[in-house]
Amino acid sequence: MQKATIQLETLTCPSCMQKIDSAVKGLDGVDKDSVKVMFNSSKVKLNFEPEKISVEEIEKAITKLGYEVKKSTVKEA
């Protein structure tokens, strides 16, 4: 299991958070209970299984919704 912190462009509305939250939770390999979308800091924190999904694929799911990913950091959980 690995931990990712994904820095996004500034989030402007709570519904943006919900869209990102449900999109990330819907990905196979993401620990749904670990997903936290932080409105004030415009970050997404989550745990994921690198055997099933890469951080790039998680970023792509967020980008597809129309939100810019600024950078990601990944650590061992």
Protein backbone atom coordinates (compact mmCIF):
# COMPACT_ATOMS: atom_id res chain seq x y z
CA MET A 1 0.00 0.00 0.00
CA GLN A 2 1.27 3.46 -0.85
CA LYS A 3 0.15 6.94 0.23
CA ALA A 4 -0.37 9.70 -2.33
CA THR A 5 -0.82 13.41 -1.81
CA ILE A 6 -2.05 15.11 -4.96
CA GLN A 7 -1.91 18.90 -5.17
CA LEU A 8 -4.65 20.36 -7.37
CA GLU A 9 -5.42 23.75 -8.79
CA THR A 10 -7.48 25.84 -6.34
CA LEU A 11 -10.88 24.25 -5.72
CA THR A 12 -13.68 26.79 -5.96
CA CYS A 13 -16.79 24.95 -4.81
CA PRO A 14 -17.83 22.09 -2.54
CA SER A 15 -19.41 20.20 -5.44
CA CYS A 16 -15.93 20.05 -7.04
CA MET A 17 -14.78 18.18 -3.95
CA GLN A 18 -17.64 15.70 -4.21
CA LYS A 19 -16.95 15.02 -7.90
CA ILE A 20 -13.27 14.34 -7.22
CA ASP A 21 -14.09 12.29 -4.12
CA SER A 22 -16.48 9.95 -5.92
CA ALA A 23 -14.26 9.64 -9.02
CA VAL A 24 -11.21 8.65 -6.96
CA LYS A 25 -13.21 6.30 -4.72
CA GLY A 26 -14.53 4.58 -7.86
CA LEU A 27 -11.05 3.56 -9.01
CA ASP A 28 -9.98 -0.06 -8.52
CA GLY A 29 -6.97 -0.26 -6.21
CA VAL A 30 -7.78 2.88 -4.18
CA ASP A 31 -8.53 2.39 -0.47
CA LYS A 32 -11.94 4.12 -0.38
CA ASP A 33 -11.78 4.76 3.39
CA SER A 34 -8.50 6.65 3.02
CA VAL A 35 -9.68 9.20 0.43
CA LYS A 36 -9.73 12.77 1.77
CA VAL A 37 -10.36 15.77 -0.47
CA MET A 38 -9.27 18.92 1.35
CA PHE A 39 -11.05 22.02 0.10
CA ASN A 40 -8.89 24.70 1.78
CA SER A 41 -5.54 23.28 0.69
CA SER A 42 -6.85 21.86 -2.65
CA LYS A 43 -5.27 18.47 -1.97
CA VAL A 44 -6.38 14.87 -2.28
CA LYS A 45 -4.84 12.33 0.09
CA LEU A 46 -5.36 8.62 -0.37
CA ASN A 47 -3.84 5.17 -0.04
CA PHE A 48 -3.62 2.89 -3.05
CA GLU A 49 -2.25 -0.46 -4.13
CA PRO A 50 0.53 0.10 -6.70
CA GLU A 51 0.02 -3.42 -8.11
CA LYS A 52 -3.50 -2.43 -9.20
CA ILE A 53 -3.26 1.28 -10.06
CA SER A 54 -0.59 3.93 -10.55
CA VAL A 55 -0.63 7.49 -9.25
CA GLU A 56 -0.61 8.60 -12.91
CA GLU A 57 -3.90 6.78 -13.47
CA ILE A 58 -5.40 8.48 -10.40
CA GLU A 59 -4.19 11.85 -11.70
CA LYS A 60 -5.72 11.08 -15.11
CA ALA A 61 -9.12 10.39 -13.50
CA ILE A 62 -8.98 13.80 -11.78
CA THR A 63 -7.77 15.58 -14.94
CA LYS A 64 -10.62 13.99 -16.93
CA LEU A 65 -13.05 15.80 -14.63
CA GLY A 66 -11.45 19.09 -15.65
CA TYR A 67 -9.21 19.74 -12.63
CA GLU A 68 -5.53 20.47 -13.05
CA VAL A 69 -3.10 18.32 -11.07
CA LYS A 70 -0.10 20.42 -10.03
CA LYS A 71 2.04 17.70 -8.45
CA SER A 72 1.88 14.41 -6.60
CA THR A 73 3.99 12.83 -3.92
CA VAL A 74 3.95 9.12 -3.14
CA LYS A 75 5.28 7.40 -0.01
CA GLU A 76 5.10 3.90 1.42
CA ALA A 77 2.07 3.64 3.72
